[in-house]
């Protein structure tokens, strides 16, 4: 099998590439980054090719070589940045998806798997179910919702088999802790390893649903390899549990004498928890990693790097 993985050099994408290569698939990675460190372990693998390209470029030559599956992970996944730069992020997050869907349609791709986000729900009551009306609070959430709708439309009009996986808060090894809008878990771990206080925006009582990256990869695999058509379905991928940020910080700090710093709250949902019954029924998927197990692997990674 041949797969195109957009954003394959990134955090989740590189873990997915690991899995596809382990399954002996041929993998084309398209990414705007030149940093291949997440896939250096596969340098000698002739089944992997990496191309520095934008998802809005003409990618037809890759499809000419034959692509069976498209895993679309490339995005600017930054809520606060999307509020500052709605047009720029729309071009990547929404228009880029449309470009890939059109190529997938023209070249008869077997399945298109979109990495979406729980940001589409906005500040919905928990647990968030796929049947709820989406109410995004940011351009990023809206862009992901538009992408989901395009996936569903391409299934309905053109018969392209698509599925949108709504990730909740994904974490794990290789996640970037250095950027301005870095995700909370790698940022907390990095600061605590430096004996510095992590910053919590707001009072820390807001909750998140943290799902380990290897569980997310498994969801992608099951979605792609399911024999039955998925026809634009939207599926939550989360742990089904919510954890207050204060509790998360306490767990990561452990017995170190460090106290978090509380800062002004930012525009974000108060609580998040995935309703994952649909994932279990439709894909046969459920998370295998508890937060404790996932954090253990993640802390070990950041301590060693």
Protein backbone atom coordinates (compact mmCIF):
# COMPACT_ATOMS: atom_id res chain seq x y z
CA UNK A 1 0.00 0.00 0.00
CA UNK A 2 1.06 3.59 -0.64
CA UNK A 3 0.20 6.44 1.70
CA UNK A 4 0.64 10.19 1.48
CA UNK A 5 1.12 11.73 4.92
CA UNK A 6 0.93 15.51 5.09
CA UNK A 7 2.69 16.96 8.12
CA UNK A 8 4.60 13.70 8.43
CA UNK A 9 7.65 15.31 10.02
CA UNK A 10 5.60 16.66 12.90
CA UNK A 11 4.62 15.29 16.27
CA UNK A 12 1.63 13.09 15.41
CA UNK A 13 2.58 12.62 11.76
CA UNK A 14 5.98 11.11 12.52
CA UNK A 15 4.44 8.58 14.90
CA UNK A 16 1.97 7.64 12.18
CA UNK A 17 4.81 7.22 9.68
CA UNK A 18 6.51 4.89 12.19
CA UNK A 19 3.40 2.71 12.20
CA UNK A 20 2.89 2.69 8.43
CA UNK A 21 6.50 1.70 7.79
CA UNK A 22 6.22 -1.01 10.44
CA UNK A 23 3.25 -2.34 8.44
CA UNK A 24 5.53 -2.35 5.35
CA UNK A 25 3.66 0.43 3.57
CA UNK A 26 5.32 2.82 1.14
CA UNK A 27 5.09 6.35 2.55
CA UNK A 28 5.35 9.77 0.90
CA UNK A 29 5.74 12.59 3.42
CA UNK A 30 4.84 16.15 2.42
CA UNK A 31 5.89 18.82 4.90
CA UNK A 32 7.03 22.44 4.81
CA UNK A 33 9.70 21.71 7.41
CA UNK A 34 13.29 20.74 6.64
CA UNK A 35 13.81 19.25 10.09
CA UNK A 36 13.74 15.47 9.66
CA UNK A 37 14.87 14.58 13.21
CA UNK A 38 11.59 12.83 14.04
CA UNK A 39 12.16 10.37 11.17
CA UNK A 40 15.95 10.03 11.26
CA UNK A 41 15.53 6.45 12.46
CA UNK A 42 14.14 5.61 9.00
CA UNK A 43 16.94 7.17 6.92
CA UNK A 44 17.88 3.86 5.32
CA UNK A 45 14.30 2.79 4.63
CA UNK A 46 13.68 2.93 0.89
CA UNK A 47 9.93 2.83 1.45
CA UNK A 48 10.03 6.38 2.85
CA UNK A 49 10.43 9.53 0.78
CA UNK A 50 10.26 13.05 2.22
CA UNK A 51 9.33 16.08 0.14
CA UNK A 52 9.52 19.70 1.25
CA UNK A 53 6.25 21.00 -0.15
CA UNK A 54 3.29 23.13 0.87
CA UNK A 55 -0.11 21.45 0.78
CA UNK A 56 -1.34 24.25 -1.48
CA UNK A 57 1.39 23.46 -4.04
CA UNK A 58 0.69 21.28 -7.08
CA UNK A 59 1.13 17.82 -5.59
CA UNK A 60 -0.19 15.90 -8.60
CA UNK A 61 3.18 14.26 -9.31
CA UNK A 62 2.96 12.35 -6.03
CA UNK A 63 -0.51 11.14 -6.93
CA UNK A 64 0.78 10.19 -10.41
CA UNK A 65 3.03 7.68 -8.66
CA UNK A 66 -0.04 6.10 -7.11
CA UNK A 67 -1.52 6.92 -3.69
CA UNK A 68 -3.93 4.55 -1.98
CA UNK A 69 -4.48 6.48 1.25
CA UNK A 70 -4.14 10.10 2.31
CA UNK A 71 -3.57 10.99 5.95
CA UNK A 72 -3.97 14.75 6.19
CA UNK A 73 -2.30 16.05 9.35
CA UNK A 74 -0.61 19.22 8.04
CA UNK A 75 -2.04 22.32 9.69
CA UNK A 76 -1.27 25.40 11.72
CA UNK A 77 -2.79 23.94 14.91
CA UNK A 78 -2.59 27.09 17.00
CA UNK A 79 -5.80 28.55 18.37
CA UNK A 80 -4.37 31.84 19.61
CA UNK A 81 -2.30 32.34 16.46
CA UNK A 82 -5.39 31.77 14.32
CA UNK A 83 -7.10 34.61 16.19
CA UNK A 84 -4.21 36.87 15.22
CA UNK A 85 -3.87 35.54 11.66
CA UNK A 86 -7.25 34.20 10.45
CA UNK A 87 -6.54 34.56 6.71
CA UNK A 88 -3.10 32.96 6.84
CA UNK A 89 -4.31 30.01 8.90
CA UNK A 90 -7.41 29.58 6.71
CA UNK A 91 -5.22 29.23 3.63
CA UNK A 92 -3.42 26.30 5.21
CA UNK A 93 -6.09 24.71 7.38
CA UNK A 94 -9.10 24.94 5.06
CA UNK A 95 -7.91 25.68 1.52
CA UNK A 96 -5.08 23.16 1.90
CA UNK A 97 -7.61 20.47 2.82
CA UNK A 98 -9.71 21.29 -0.23
CA UNK A 99 -6.65 21.05 -2.48
CA UNK A 100 -5.87 17.57 -1.16
CA UNK A 101 -9.47 16.40 -1.40
CA UNK A 102 -9.64 17.46 -5.03
CA UNK A 103 -6.43 15.58 -5.85
CA UNK A 104 -7.70 12.54 -3.95
CA UNK A 105 -10.94 12.62 -5.93
CA UNK A 106 -9.17 12.93 -9.29
CA UNK A 107 -6.76 10.10 -8.55
CA UNK A 108 -9.30 7.71 -6.97
CA UNK A 109 -7.72 7.52 -3.53
CA UNK A 110 -9.21 4.69 -1.47
CA UNK A 111 -9.58 6.67 1.75
CA UNK A 112 -8.93 10.19 3.01
CA UNK A 113 -8.34 10.52 6.76
CA UNK A 114 -8.54 14.07 8.13
CA UNK A 115 -6.99 15.07 11.43
CA UNK A 116 -9.58 17.41 12.91
CA UNK A 117 -9.94 18.91 16.37
CA UNK A 118 -12.25 19.21 19.34
CA UNK A 119 -11.87 22.98 18.80
CA UNK A 120 -14.94 22.67 16.55
CA UNK A 121 -17.11 22.21 19.67
CA UNK A 122 -16.22 25.51 21.31
CA UNK A 123 -17.45 25.75 24.89
CA UNK A 124 -19.94 22.90 24.64
CA UNK A 125 -21.07 20.94 27.72
CA UNK A 126 -19.23 17.70 28.44
CA UNK A 127 -19.04 15.03 27.27
CA UNK A 128 -18.80 16.45 23.78
CA UNK A 129 -20.68 14.25 21.30
CA UNK A 130 -20.39 14.21 17.52
CA UNK A 131 -24.12 14.98 17.29
CA UNK A 132 -23.74 18.35 19.05
CA UNK A 133 -23.98 21.55 17.07
CA UNK A 134 -20.42 22.83 16.51
CA UNK A 135 -19.78 26.32 17.90
CA UNK A 136 -16.10 27.16 17.32
CA UNK A 137 -14.57 29.93 19.42
CA UNK A 138 -11.63 30.55 17.08
CA UNK A 139 -10.76 30.69 13.38
CA UNK A 140 -8.81 27.45 13.90
CA UNK A 141 -11.93 25.65 15.14
CA UNK A 142 -13.94 27.06 12.24
CA UNK A 143 -11.27 26.03 9.72
CA UNK A 144 -11.34 22.47 11.02
CA UNK A 145 -15.13 22.45 10.85
CA UNK A 146 -15.02 23.67 7.24
CA UNK A 147 -12.51 20.90 6.46
CA UNK A 148 -14.82 18.29 7.99
CA UNK A 149 -17.73 19.58 5.94
CA UNK A 150 -15.67 19.42 2.76
CA UNK A 151 -14.76 15.81 3.56
CA UNK A 152 -18.42 14.92 4.03
CA UNK A 153 -19.37 16.77 0.84
CA UNK A 154 -16.71 14.98 -1.23
CA UNK A 155 -18.07 11.67 0.06
CA UNK A 156 -21.64 12.62 -0.83
CA UNK A 157 -21.00 14.18 -4.24
CA UNK A 158 -17.99 12.29 -5.58
CA UNK A 159 -17.99 9.04 -3.63
CA UNK A 160 -14.55 9.72 -2.13
CA UNK A 161 -14.37 7.75 1.12
CA UNK A 162 -13.44 10.13 3.94
CA UNK A 163 -13.41 10.27 7.71
CA UNK A 164 -12.66 13.13 10.10
CA UNK A 165 -11.03 12.28 13.42
CA UNK A 166 -11.68 14.95 16.04
CA UNK A 167 -8.63 14.82 18.28
CA UNK A 168 -8.84 16.07 21.82
CA UNK A 169 -5.59 17.06 23.60
CA UNK A 170 -2.95 14.81 22.06
CA UNK A 171 0.36 14.48 23.91
CA UNK A 172 3.47 12.33 23.88
CA UNK A 173 7.13 12.07 22.83
CA UNK A 174 8.37 14.46 20.10
CA UNK A 175 5.81 17.15 20.89
CA UNK A 176 7.32 20.62 20.48
CA UNK A 177 7.80 22.47 23.76
CA UNK A 178 9.71 25.43 22.36
CA UNK A 179 7.13 27.42 20.41
CA UNK A 180 5.22 30.43 21.71
CA UNK A 181 1.95 28.48 21.77
CA UNK A 182 3.43 25.14 22.82
CA UNK A 183 0.99 22.58 24.22
CA UNK A 184 0.65 22.37 27.95
CA UNK A 185 2.14 18.93 28.70
CA UNK A 186 5.53 19.28 26.94
CA UNK A 187 5.80 22.86 28.19
CA UNK A 188 5.09 21.86 31.79
CA UNK A 189 7.53 18.92 31.65
CA UNK A 190 10.31 21.03 30.15
CA UNK A 191 9.92 23.80 32.74
CA UNK A 192 9.75 21.38 35.67
CA UNK A 193 12.88 19.59 34.40
CA UNK A 194 14.58 23.00 34.55
CA UNK A 195 13.21 23.56 38.08
CA UNK A 196 11.06 26.40 36.79
CA UNK A 197 7.41 27.13 37.53
CA UNK A 198 4.89 26.31 34.81
CA UNK A 199 2.32 28.99 33.95
CA UNK A 200 -1.37 28.20 34.20
CA UNK A 201 -3.74 30.55 32.40
CA UNK A 202 -6.71 31.22 34.66
CA UNK A 203 -7.42 29.46 37.95
CA UNK A 204 -6.52 26.00 36.63
CA UNK A 205 -9.92 24.45 37.27
CA UNK A 206 -10.61 24.12 33.54
CA UNK A 207 -10.33 20.55 32.30
CA UNK A 208 -8.93 18.83 29.23
CA UNK A 209 -9.17 15.35 27.73
CA UNK A 210 -5.59 14.15 27.20
CA UNK A 211 -5.07 11.32 24.71
CA UNK A 212 -1.71 9.64 24.08
CA UNK A 213 -0.21 9.91 20.61
CA UNK A 214 0.10 6.14 20.10
CA UNK A 215 -3.63 5.79 20.69
CA UNK A 216 -4.24 8.49 18.07
CA UNK A 217 -2.05 6.61 15.58
CA UNK A 218 -4.08 3.46 16.20
CA UNK A 219 -7.28 5.39 15.44
CA UNK A 220 -5.81 6.52 12.11
CA UNK A 221 -4.79 2.98 11.28
CA UNK A 222 -8.21 1.53 12.07
CA UNK A 223 -9.96 4.29 10.10
CA UNK A 224 -7.79 3.70 7.04
CA UNK A 225 -7.96 -0.07 7.03
CA UNK A 226 -11.68 -0.43 7.78
CA UNK A 227 -13.16 -2.25 4.80
CA UNK A 228 -16.58 -0.63 4.99
CA UNK A 229 -17.01 2.89 3.61
CA UNK A 230 -17.02 5.65 6.22
CA UNK A 231 -18.73 8.27 4.03
CA UNK A 232 -17.53 11.43 5.74
CA UNK A 233 -18.21 10.32 9.30
CA UNK A 234 -16.87 12.44 12.16
CA UNK A 235 -15.41 10.57 15.14
CA UNK A 236 -14.09 11.80 18.48
CA UNK A 237 -10.65 10.57 19.49
CA UNK A 238 -10.00 11.20 23.17
CA UNK A 239 -9.55 9.38 26.45
CA UNK A 240 -13.14 9.93 27.55
CA UNK A 241 -11.82 11.44 30.80
CA UNK A 242 -11.19 15.03 31.79
CA UNK A 243 -8.36 16.29 33.97
CA UNK A 244 -8.15 19.74 35.62
CA UNK A 245 -5.02 21.63 34.57
CA UNK A 246 -4.13 22.13 38.25
CA UNK A 247 -4.16 18.35 38.73
CA UNK A 248 -2.05 17.84 35.61
CA UNK A 249 0.54 20.33 36.89
CA UNK A 250 0.60 18.64 40.29
CA UNK A 251 1.20 15.24 38.68
CA UNK A 252 4.06 16.52 36.51
CA UNK A 253 5.70 18.49 39.35
CA UNK A 254 5.61 15.45 41.63
CA UNK A 255 7.64 15.91 44.80
CA UNK A 256 9.61 18.90 43.52
CA UNK A 257 9.17 22.12 45.48
CA UNK A 258 7.76 24.08 42.56
CA UNK A 259 4.54 26.08 42.51
CA UNK A 260 2.73 26.99 39.29
CA UNK A 261 2.29 30.64 38.30
CA UNK A 262 -1.25 31.72 37.50
CA UNK A 263 -1.75 34.20 34.67
CA UNK A 264 -4.76 35.90 33.06
CA UNK A 265 -7.11 33.47 31.28
CA UNK A 266 -7.13 33.26 27.48
CA UNK A 267 -9.97 32.63 25.03
CA UNK A 268 -10.54 28.88 25.23
CA UNK A 269 -13.26 26.41 26.23
CA UNK A 270 -13.77 25.85 29.95
CA UNK A 271 -13.95 22.06 29.76
CA UNK A 272 -13.33 19.26 27.29
CA UNK A 273 -14.14 15.56 27.46
CA UNK A 274 -14.76 13.28 24.52
CA UNK A 275 -17.73 10.98 24.16
CA UNK A 276 -15.97 8.02 22.56
CA UNK A 277 -18.77 5.46 22.11
CA UNK A 278 -18.91 6.14 18.36
CA UNK A 279 -15.18 5.42 17.98
CA UNK A 280 -15.65 2.12 19.78
CA UNK A 281 -18.65 1.08 17.67
CA UNK A 282 -17.53 2.35 14.26
CA UNK A 283 -13.78 1.73 14.40
CA UNK A 284 -13.36 -0.74 17.22
CA UNK A 285 -11.06 1.83 18.83
CA UNK A 286 -10.54 2.74 22.44
CA UNK A 287 -7.55 4.25 24.25
CA UNK A 288 -5.04 1.78 25.66
CA UNK A 289 -2.88 4.27 27.55
CA UNK A 290 -3.91 5.83 30.84
CA UNK A 291 -2.73 9.38 31.52
CA UNK A 292 -0.22 8.00 34.02
CA UNK A 293 1.25 5.56 31.46
CA UNK A 294 1.39 8.17 28.73
CA UNK A 295 2.97 10.79 30.98
CA UNK A 296 5.61 8.28 32.07
CA UNK A 297 6.73 7.73 28.45
CA UNK A 298 6.53 11.44 27.71
CA UNK A 299 8.56 12.50 30.75
CA UNK A 300 11.19 9.87 29.92
CA UNK A 301 11.47 11.25 26.38
CA UNK A 302 11.91 14.86 27.47
CA UNK A 303 14.33 13.90 30.23
CA UNK A 304 16.56 12.05 27.74
CA UNK A 305 16.53 14.72 25.00
